[in-house]
């Protein structure tokens, strides 16, 4: 019975996180995108990481690739890099978590590393194809730093409810 709950709960939560990312960004765009900061919401990544750490979701790599494709098409308008980044992060996190205990601090640090990797890969690909010409130092201070702070605040707020949710249905 619990497996059936997770089978339906995981995709619903994943798509809710996907659209919440965009909705929060749109609602607070005047604060998220100024001449001094550019914050990228990563609630989809939070949902995926919590699922990796606290449940056994069947086909999570396929789900992460699927949501990456939707993320690319819906928010970027083209098939982009998130179709590859999300499954890569899920795979690496799953491999790393085999050797770590699942405590608040450990999952927080893993999530911090995952956000950093996703944001840097996205910046790197965009600079390779000429979509951005921002220097590395400006990227770190303008985008990476504020993005980490914003998403870590969401992590702190949602960690215990999500942990409980995933453990209860597992």
Protein backbone atom coordinates (compact mmCIF):
# COMPACT_ATOMS: atom_id res chain seq x y z
CA UNK A 1 0.00 0.00 0.00
CA UNK A 2 2.82 2.41 0.86
CA UNK A 3 4.52 1.70 -2.50
CA UNK A 4 1.32 2.66 -4.29
CA UNK A 5 1.15 5.91 -2.30
CA UNK A 6 4.72 6.78 -3.30
CA UNK A 7 4.01 5.83 -6.90
CA UNK A 8 1.43 8.64 -7.09
CA UNK A 9 2.75 11.04 -4.46
CA UNK A 10 6.23 11.41 -5.94
CA UNK A 11 5.21 12.60 -9.44
CA UNK A 12 2.52 14.92 -8.04
CA UNK A 13 5.03 16.50 -5.67
CA UNK A 14 7.64 16.68 -8.40
CA UNK A 15 5.38 18.60 -10.76
CA UNK A 16 4.10 20.75 -7.90
CA UNK A 17 7.72 21.69 -7.12
CA UNK A 18 8.36 22.36 -10.81
CA UNK A 19 5.49 24.79 -11.11
CA UNK A 20 6.13 26.29 -7.68
CA UNK A 21 9.66 27.12 -8.86
CA UNK A 22 8.25 29.15 -11.72
CA UNK A 23 5.41 30.66 -9.72
CA UNK A 24 7.67 31.91 -6.94
CA UNK A 25 10.12 33.28 -9.47
CA UNK A 26 7.34 35.11 -11.29
CA UNK A 27 5.70 36.38 -8.11
CA UNK A 28 8.95 37.75 -6.69
CA UNK A 29 10.80 38.58 -9.92
CA UNK A 30 11.36 42.18 -8.84
CA UNK A 31 13.38 40.83 -5.89
CA UNK A 32 14.95 37.81 -7.59
CA UNK A 33 16.32 39.64 -10.61
CA UNK A 34 17.88 43.01 -9.95
CA UNK A 35 21.07 44.58 -11.29
CA UNK A 36 22.85 43.08 -8.26
CA UNK A 37 21.36 39.59 -7.84
CA UNK A 38 19.81 36.78 -9.85
CA UNK A 39 18.20 34.05 -7.75
CA UNK A 40 17.34 30.67 -9.27
CA UNK A 41 14.74 28.63 -7.41
CA UNK A 42 15.61 24.93 -7.13
CA UNK A 43 12.61 23.35 -5.38
CA UNK A 44 12.54 20.56 -7.97
CA UNK A 45 16.05 19.66 -6.92
CA UNK A 46 15.00 19.71 -3.25
CA UNK A 47 12.16 17.28 -3.99
CA UNK A 48 14.48 14.97 -5.92
CA UNK A 49 17.20 15.01 -3.25
CA UNK A 50 14.76 14.35 -0.42
CA UNK A 51 13.31 11.45 -2.43
CA UNK A 52 16.79 10.01 -2.97
CA UNK A 53 17.65 10.34 0.71
CA UNK A 54 14.40 9.20 2.33
CA UNK A 55 12.56 6.89 -0.03
CA UNK A 56 12.89 4.33 -2.76
CA UNK A 57 11.25 5.86 -5.81
CA UNK A 58 10.97 3.49 -8.72
CA UNK A 59 12.57 4.90 -11.91
CA UNK A 60 13.76 8.10 -10.22
CA UNK A 61 16.41 8.65 -12.91
CA UNK A 62 13.73 8.55 -15.61
CA UNK A 63 11.52 10.88 -13.59
CA UNK A 64 14.38 13.32 -13.12
CA UNK A 65 15.14 13.28 -16.85
CA UNK A 66 11.47 13.77 -17.67
CA UNK A 67 11.10 16.71 -15.31
CA UNK A 68 14.37 18.11 -16.66
CA UNK A 69 12.92 18.01 -20.19
CA UNK A 70 9.74 19.71 -19.03
CA UNK A 71 11.80 22.28 -17.12
CA UNK A 72 13.83 23.01 -20.24
CA UNK A 73 10.87 23.29 -22.57
CA UNK A 74 8.57 25.16 -20.19
CA UNK A 75 11.03 27.65 -18.71
CA UNK A 76 13.74 27.93 -21.37
CA UNK A 77 11.68 27.29 -24.48
CA UNK A 78 14.18 24.80 -25.91
CA UNK A 79 15.48 21.37 -25.05
CA UNK A 80 18.35 22.36 -22.80
CA UNK A 81 20.79 21.04 -20.26
CA UNK A 82 18.45 20.20 -17.37
CA UNK A 83 17.38 16.99 -19.10
CA UNK A 84 20.93 15.80 -18.36
CA UNK A 85 21.75 17.72 -15.17
CA UNK A 86 18.85 16.46 -13.04
CA UNK A 87 19.49 12.73 -13.69
CA UNK A 88 23.24 13.28 -13.18
CA UNK A 89 22.66 14.94 -9.81
CA UNK A 90 20.18 12.25 -8.74
CA UNK A 91 22.62 9.50 -9.73
CA UNK A 92 25.58 11.12 -7.95
CA UNK A 93 23.53 11.85 -4.84
CA UNK A 94 22.24 8.28 -4.70
CA UNK A 95 25.79 6.95 -4.97
CA UNK A 96 27.13 9.34 -2.33
CA UNK A 97 24.29 8.72 0.13
CA UNK A 98 25.17 5.02 0.28
CA UNK A 99 28.16 6.00 2.41
CA UNK A 100 26.58 8.73 4.55
CA UNK A 101 23.98 8.78 7.29
CA UNK A 102 20.81 10.71 6.64
CA UNK A 103 20.88 13.54 9.13
CA UNK A 104 19.80 17.14 8.72
CA UNK A 105 23.38 18.44 8.40
CA UNK A 106 24.50 15.73 5.95
CA UNK A 107 21.50 16.17 3.65
CA UNK A 108 21.88 19.96 3.92
CA UNK A 109 25.51 19.75 2.79
CA UNK A 110 24.66 17.34 -0.02
CA UNK A 111 21.88 19.68 -1.17
CA UNK A 112 24.29 22.63 -0.98
CA UNK A 113 26.78 20.78 -3.17
CA UNK A 114 24.03 19.72 -5.59
CA UNK A 115 22.73 23.28 -6.01
CA UNK A 116 26.28 24.49 -6.55
CA UNK A 117 26.96 21.84 -9.19
CA UNK A 118 23.66 22.47 -11.02
CA UNK A 119 24.14 26.24 -11.05
CA UNK A 120 27.78 26.03 -12.15
CA UNK A 121 27.00 23.50 -14.90
CA UNK A 122 24.16 25.69 -16.16
CA UNK A 123 26.47 28.73 -16.17
CA UNK A 124 29.27 26.77 -17.85
CA UNK A 125 27.05 25.47 -20.65
CA UNK A 126 25.55 28.92 -21.20
CA UNK A 127 29.00 30.48 -21.44
CA UNK A 128 30.13 27.76 -23.86
CA UNK A 129 27.30 28.46 -26.26
CA UNK A 130 27.55 32.23 -25.84
CA UNK A 131 24.33 32.88 -23.92
CA UNK A 132 26.21 34.63 -21.13
CA UNK A 133 29.33 36.70 -20.92
CA UNK A 134 29.32 37.25 -17.15
CA UNK A 135 32.68 36.78 -15.46
CA UNK A 136 33.15 33.97 -12.95
CA UNK A 137 33.47 36.36 -10.01
CA UNK A 138 30.32 38.21 -11.03
CA UNK A 139 28.52 34.88 -11.45
CA UNK A 140 29.54 33.76 -7.98
CA UNK A 141 28.56 36.99 -6.25
CA UNK A 142 25.47 37.81 -8.31
CA UNK A 143 23.92 34.37 -8.94
CA UNK A 144 25.51 31.51 -7.04
CA UNK A 145 25.62 33.15 -3.60
CA UNK A 146 22.02 34.44 -3.56
CA UNK A 147 20.76 31.19 -5.12
CA UNK A 148 22.41 29.15 -2.36
CA UNK A 149 21.00 31.37 0.40
CA UNK A 150 17.46 31.32 -1.05
CA UNK A 151 17.38 27.57 -1.61
CA UNK A 152 18.97 26.74 1.74
CA UNK A 153 16.25 28.77 3.44
CA UNK A 154 13.66 26.62 1.67
CA UNK A 155 15.59 23.52 2.71
CA UNK A 156 15.51 24.54 6.37
CA UNK A 157 11.77 25.26 6.17
CA UNK A 158 10.82 22.10 4.30
CA UNK A 159 13.32 19.52 5.57
CA UNK A 160 11.32 18.04 8.45
CA UNK A 161 7.92 18.03 6.70
CA UNK A 162 9.42 16.39 3.60
CA UNK A 163 11.47 13.92 5.61
CA UNK A 164 8.38 12.91 7.51
CA UNK A 165 6.31 12.70 4.33
CA UNK A 166 8.80 10.46 2.54
CA UNK A 167 9.38 8.23 5.56
CA UNK A 168 5.64 7.85 6.25
CA UNK A 169 4.79 6.71 2.75
CA UNK A 170 7.89 4.56 2.36
